[in-house]
């Protein structure tokens, strides 16, 4: 189950649901133990592979490549530049790059049925095309650690409705 809270947006003076994170972050150890329980690999072996994964992925992405993990999606670096750009192409250099983000695109698969009548297929995204039961976080009580799961929001600060 996933959780939401009710937020009021000053921009249009309407209420909206906003996803929130509840509880502590799941650790590499927890992931390793669960993967080991669902496979024939030991938790220590799974953890070793998971810990090596970020370095290997970073190395490939630093070579200008994207990394696709089957069933998960693709990762790649995206740069951001300083200033307002340059008037001439020959003036652009690597020193104009001031930041790098890791971008992620969930894997897309296509299934027959649904979607447009012409194509007769439906696109689904890994990790996001799951049945999610949404629960109002207010029903959990006031002692639950909650953080916003919407770091891209540029609206006014939300007002949380309290029971």
C-alpha atoms as a PDB file:
ATOM      1  CA  UNK A   1       0.000   0.000   0.000  1.00  0.00           C
ATOM      2  CA  UNK A   2       1.081   3.570  -0.658  1.00  0.00           C
ATOM      3  CA  UNK A   3       0.122   6.697   1.206  1.00  0.00           C
ATOM      4  CA  UNK A   4      -1.147  10.163   0.376  1.00  0.00           C
ATOM      5  CA  UNK A   5      -2.002  13.318   2.231  1.00  0.00           C
ATOM      6  CA  UNK A   6      -4.485  16.036   1.388  1.00  0.00           C
ATOM      7  CA  UNK A   7      -2.827  19.302   0.362  1.00  0.00           C
ATOM      8  CA  UNK A   8      -4.269  22.715  -0.412  1.00  0.00           C
ATOM      9  CA  UNK A   9      -2.685  24.556  -3.358  1.00  0.00           C
ATOM     10  CA  UNK A  10      -2.749  28.328  -2.996  1.00  0.00           C
ATOM     11  CA  UNK A  11      -2.416  28.747  -6.771  1.00  0.00           C
ATOM     12  CA  UNK A  12      -5.976  27.639  -7.543  1.00  0.00           C
ATOM     13  CA  UNK A  13      -7.312  27.207  -3.983  1.00  0.00           C
ATOM     14  CA  UNK A  14      -8.135  23.496  -4.497  1.00  0.00           C
ATOM     15  CA  UNK A  15      -7.351  20.327  -2.534  1.00  0.00           C
ATOM     16  CA  UNK A  16      -5.305  17.501  -4.073  1.00  0.00           C
ATOM     17  CA  UNK A  17      -3.895  14.161  -2.981  1.00  0.00           C
ATOM     18  CA  UNK A  18      -0.086  14.108  -2.753  1.00  0.00           C
ATOM     19  CA  UNK A  19       1.965  10.963  -2.284  1.00  0.00           C
ATOM     20  CA  UNK A  20       4.067  10.755   0.874  1.00  0.00           C
ATOM     21  CA  UNK A  21       6.745   8.444   2.195  1.00  0.00           C
ATOM     22  CA  UNK A  22       6.036   6.697   5.478  1.00  0.00           C
ATOM     23  CA  UNK A  23       8.591   5.167   7.795  1.00  0.00           C
ATOM     24  CA  UNK A  24      12.299   4.777   7.290  1.00  0.00           C
ATOM     25  CA  UNK A  25      14.111   4.205   4.013  1.00  0.00           C
ATOM     26  CA  UNK A  26      14.548   0.572   2.950  1.00  0.00           C
ATOM     27  CA  UNK A  27      18.261  -0.283   3.189  1.00  0.00           C
ATOM     28  CA  UNK A  28      20.572  -2.347   1.031  1.00  0.00           C
ATOM     29  CA  UNK A  29      20.636  -4.988   3.791  1.00  0.00           C
ATOM     30  CA  UNK A  30      16.840  -5.264   3.749  1.00  0.00           C
ATOM     31  CA  UNK A  31      16.790  -5.565  -0.058  1.00  0.00           C
ATOM     32  CA  UNK A  32      19.570  -8.174   0.046  1.00  0.00           C
ATOM     33  CA  UNK A  33      17.736 -10.277   2.635  1.00  0.00           C
ATOM     34  CA  UNK A  34      14.493 -10.178   0.680  1.00  0.00           C
ATOM     35  CA  UNK A  35      16.174 -11.015  -2.639  1.00  0.00           C
ATOM     36  CA  UNK A  36      18.029 -13.882  -0.965  1.00  0.00           C
ATOM     37  CA  UNK A  37      14.753 -15.228   0.414  1.00  0.00           C
ATOM     38  CA  UNK A  38      13.280 -15.182  -3.097  1.00  0.00           C
ATOM     39  CA  UNK A  39      16.288 -16.836  -4.749  1.00  0.00           C
ATOM     40  CA  UNK A  40      19.057 -19.345  -4.114  1.00  0.00           C
ATOM     41  CA  UNK A  41      21.695 -16.664  -3.404  1.00  0.00           C
ATOM     42  CA  UNK A  42      22.903 -15.763   0.090  1.00  0.00           C
ATOM     43  CA  UNK A  43      22.163 -12.316   1.570  1.00  0.00           C
ATOM     44  CA  UNK A  44      25.916 -11.565   1.644  1.00  0.00           C
ATOM     45  CA  UNK A  45      26.287 -12.360  -2.067  1.00  0.00           C
ATOM     46  CA  UNK A  46      23.248 -10.260  -2.997  1.00  0.00           C
ATOM     47  CA  UNK A  47      24.543  -7.342  -0.913  1.00  0.00           C
ATOM     48  CA  UNK A  48      27.980  -7.559  -2.550  1.00  0.00           C
ATOM     49  CA  UNK A  49      26.403  -7.390  -6.008  1.00  0.00           C
ATOM     50  CA  UNK A  50      24.104  -4.503  -5.064  1.00  0.00           C
ATOM     51  CA  UNK A  51      27.006  -2.532  -3.607  1.00  0.00           C
ATOM     52  CA  UNK A  52      29.084  -3.070  -6.762  1.00  0.00           C
ATOM     53  CA  UNK A  53      26.163  -2.153  -9.031  1.00  0.00           C
ATOM     54  CA  UNK A  54      26.339   1.634  -8.533  1.00  0.00           C
ATOM     55  CA  UNK A  55      30.052   1.780  -9.368  1.00  0.00           C
ATOM     56  CA  UNK A  56      29.642  -0.367 -12.473  1.00  0.00           C
ATOM     57  CA  UNK A  57      26.621   1.638 -13.643  1.00  0.00           C
ATOM     58  CA  UNK A  58      28.424   4.936 -12.982  1.00  0.00           C
ATOM     59  CA  UNK A  59      31.439   3.770 -14.966  1.00  0.00           C
ATOM     60  CA  UNK A  60      29.323   2.838 -18.005  1.00  0.00           C
ATOM     61  CA  UNK A  61      27.354   6.088 -17.813  1.00  0.00           C
ATOM     62  CA  UNK A  62      30.613   8.078 -17.544  1.00  0.00           C
ATOM     63  CA  UNK A  63      31.530   6.468 -20.885  1.00  0.00           C
ATOM     64  CA  UNK A  64      28.441   8.149 -22.377  1.00  0.00           C
ATOM     65  CA  UNK A  65      26.288   5.023 -22.348  1.00  0.00           C
ATOM     66  CA  UNK A  66      22.885   4.348 -20.845  1.00  0.00           C
ATOM     67  CA  UNK A  67      22.389   1.355 -18.567  1.00  0.00           C
ATOM     68  CA  UNK A  68      19.251  -0.762 -18.986  1.00  0.00           C
ATOM     69  CA  UNK A  69      18.273  -3.192 -16.236  1.00  0.00           C
ATOM     70  CA  UNK A  70      15.679  -5.640 -17.544  1.00  0.00           C
ATOM     71  CA  UNK A  71      12.379  -5.314 -15.736  1.00  0.00           C
ATOM     72  CA  UNK A  72      13.443  -2.027 -14.146  1.00  0.00           C
ATOM     73  CA  UNK A  73      14.426   0.557 -16.737  1.00  0.00           C
ATOM     74  CA  UNK A  74      17.239   2.703 -18.086  1.00  0.00           C
ATOM     75  CA  UNK A  75      19.627   5.069 -16.320  1.00  0.00           C
ATOM     76  CA  UNK A  76      21.787   7.778 -17.904  1.00  0.00           C
ATOM     77  CA  UNK A  77      23.604  11.001 -17.014  1.00  0.00           C
ATOM     78  CA  UNK A  78      22.113  14.363 -17.957  1.00  0.00           C
ATOM     79  CA  UNK A  79      24.145  17.536 -17.660  1.00  0.00           C
ATOM     80  CA  UNK A  80      23.069  21.086 -16.865  1.00  0.00           C
ATOM     81  CA  UNK A  81      24.903  24.185 -18.055  1.00  0.00           C
ATOM     82  CA  UNK A  82      25.852  27.511 -16.532  1.00  0.00           C
ATOM     83  CA  UNK A  83      24.783  30.925 -17.727  1.00  0.00           C
ATOM     84  CA  UNK A  84      22.583  31.835 -20.661  1.00  0.00           C
ATOM     85  CA  UNK A  85      24.342  29.855 -23.341  1.00  0.00           C
ATOM     86  CA  UNK A  86      26.899  30.961 -25.924  1.00  0.00           C
ATOM     87  CA  UNK A  87      26.405  32.844 -29.160  1.00  0.00           C
ATOM     88  CA  UNK A  88      28.838  30.614 -31.103  1.00  0.00           C
ATOM     89  CA  UNK A  89      29.234  26.836 -31.023  1.00  0.00           C
ATOM     90  CA  UNK A  90      33.034  27.147 -30.808  1.00  0.00           C
ATOM     91  CA  UNK A  91      32.656  28.983 -27.470  1.00  0.00           C
ATOM     92  CA  UNK A  92      30.902  26.009 -25.809  1.00  0.00           C
ATOM     93  CA  UNK A  93      33.129  23.799 -23.649  1.00  0.00           C
ATOM     94  CA  UNK A  94      32.933  21.205 -20.900  1.00  0.00           C
ATOM     95  CA  UNK A  95      33.645  23.965 -18.365  1.00  0.00           C
ATOM     96  CA  UNK A  96      30.118  25.281 -19.040  1.00  0.00           C
ATOM     97  CA  UNK A  97      28.673  22.143 -17.438  1.00  0.00           C
ATOM     98  CA  UNK A  98      27.875  22.843 -13.798  1.00  0.00           C
ATOM     99  CA  UNK A  99      25.894  19.786 -12.753  1.00  0.00           C
ATOM    100  CA  UNK A 100      25.008  16.206 -13.556  1.00  0.00           C
ATOM    101  CA  UNK A 101      21.853  14.258 -12.678  1.00  0.00           C
ATOM    102  CA  UNK A 102      21.134  10.577 -13.002  1.00  0.00           C
ATOM    103  CA  UNK A 103      17.938  10.195 -15.021  1.00  0.00           C
ATOM    104  CA  UNK A 104      15.739   7.112 -14.887  1.00  0.00           C
ATOM    105  CA  UNK A 105      13.140   5.914 -17.379  1.00  0.00           C
ATOM    106  CA  UNK A 106      11.079   2.895 -16.288  1.00  0.00           C
ATOM    107  CA  UNK A 107      11.059  -0.009 -18.728  1.00  0.00           C
ATOM    108  CA  UNK A 108       8.116   0.094 -21.117  1.00  0.00           C
ATOM    109  CA  UNK A 109       6.463  -3.092 -22.325  1.00  0.00           C
ATOM    110  CA  UNK A 110       3.560  -3.464 -24.694  1.00  0.00           C
ATOM    111  CA  UNK A 111       0.640  -5.802 -24.220  1.00  0.00           C
ATOM    112  CA  UNK A 112      -2.136  -6.704 -26.615  1.00  0.00           C
ATOM    113  CA  UNK A 113      -5.549  -5.203 -25.916  1.00  0.00           C
ATOM    114  CA  UNK A 114      -6.457  -1.849 -24.459  1.00  0.00           C
ATOM    115  CA  UNK A 115      -4.883   1.344 -25.668  1.00  0.00           C
ATOM    116  CA  UNK A 116      -5.766   2.794 -29.050  1.00  0.00           C
ATOM    117  CA  UNK A 117      -8.098   0.853 -31.313  1.00  0.00           C
ATOM    118  CA  UNK A 118      -5.717   1.277 -34.249  1.00  0.00           C
ATOM    119  CA  UNK A 119      -2.731  -0.297 -32.545  1.00  0.00           C
ATOM    120  CA  UNK A 120      -4.552  -2.778 -30.302  1.00  0.00           C
ATOM    121  CA  UNK A 121      -1.830  -2.641 -27.685  1.00  0.00           C
ATOM    122  CA  UNK A 122      -1.234  -0.990 -24.318  1.00  0.00           C
ATOM    123  CA  UNK A 123       2.025   0.396 -22.939  1.00  0.00           C
ATOM    124  CA  UNK A 124       2.944  -0.389 -19.351  1.00  0.00           C
ATOM    125  CA  UNK A 125       5.869   0.916 -17.313  1.00  0.00           C
ATOM    126  CA  UNK A 126       7.884  -1.275 -14.976  1.00  0.00           C
ATOM    127  CA  UNK A 127       7.718  -0.223 -11.322  1.00  0.00           C
ATOM    128  CA  UNK A 128       4.747   2.061 -11.978  1.00  0.00           C
ATOM    129  CA  UNK A 129       2.222  -0.263 -13.583  1.00  0.00           C
ATOM    130  CA  UNK A 130       1.327  -2.099 -10.408  1.00  0.00           C
ATOM    131  CA  UNK A 131      -1.904  -2.141  -8.473  1.00  0.00           C
ATOM    132  CA  UNK A 132      -1.445   0.369  -5.675  1.00  0.00           C
ATOM    133  CA  UNK A 133      -3.806   0.591  -2.735  1.00  0.00           C
ATOM    134  CA  UNK A 134      -3.757   4.257  -1.656  1.00  0.00           C
ATOM    135  CA  UNK A 135      -4.320   4.983   2.046  1.00  0.00           C
ATOM    136  CA  UNK A 136      -4.878   8.442   3.536  1.00  0.00           C
ATOM    137  CA  UNK A 137      -1.881   8.960   5.837  1.00  0.00           C
ATOM    138  CA  UNK A 138      -4.132  10.832   8.266  1.00  0.00           C
ATOM    139  CA  UNK A 139      -5.689   7.472   9.201  1.00  0.00           C
ATOM    140  CA  UNK A 140      -2.317   6.301  10.602  1.00  0.00           C
ATOM    141  CA  UNK A 141      -2.262   8.758  13.510  1.00  0.00           C
ATOM    142  CA  UNK A 142      -0.023  11.675  14.371  1.00  0.00           C
ATOM    143  CA  UNK A 143       3.148   9.781  15.401  1.00  0.00           C
ATOM    144  CA  UNK A 144       4.030   8.576  11.894  1.00  0.00           C
ATOM    145  CA  UNK A 145       7.147   9.982  10.190  1.00  0.00           C
ATOM    146  CA  UNK A 146       5.964  11.409   6.878  1.00  0.00           C
ATOM    147  CA  UNK A 147       7.908  13.181   4.142  1.00  0.00           C
ATOM    148  CA  UNK A 148       6.748  14.541   0.804  1.00  0.00           C
ATOM    149  CA  UNK A 149       7.367  12.332  -2.192  1.00  0.00           C
ATOM    150  CA  UNK A 150       7.057  15.229  -4.624  1.00  0.00           C
ATOM    151  CA  UNK A 151      10.399  17.011  -4.861  1.00  0.00           C
ATOM    152  CA  UNK A 152       9.471  18.553  -8.237  1.00  0.00           C
ATOM    153  CA  UNK A 153       6.505  20.509  -6.941  1.00  0.00           C
ATOM    154  CA  UNK A 154       6.899  24.233  -7.478  1.00  0.00           C
ATOM    155  CA  UNK A 155       3.494  25.239  -6.119  1.00  0.00           C
ATOM    156  CA  UNK A 156       3.106  27.101  -2.871  1.00  0.00           C
ATOM    157  CA  UNK A 157       3.881  25.119   0.258  1.00  0.00           C
ATOM    158  CA  UNK A 158       1.018  22.688   0.851  1.00  0.00           C
ATOM    159  CA  UNK A 159      -1.197  22.898   3.880  1.00  0.00           C
ATOM    160  CA  UNK A 160      -1.753  19.458   5.375  1.00  0.00           C
ATOM    161  CA  UNK A 161      -5.254  18.672   6.593  1.00  0.00           C
ATOM    162  CA  UNK A 162      -5.120  17.231  10.094  1.00  0.00           C
ATOM    163  CA  UNK A 163      -7.898  15.041  11.516  1.00  0.00           C
END
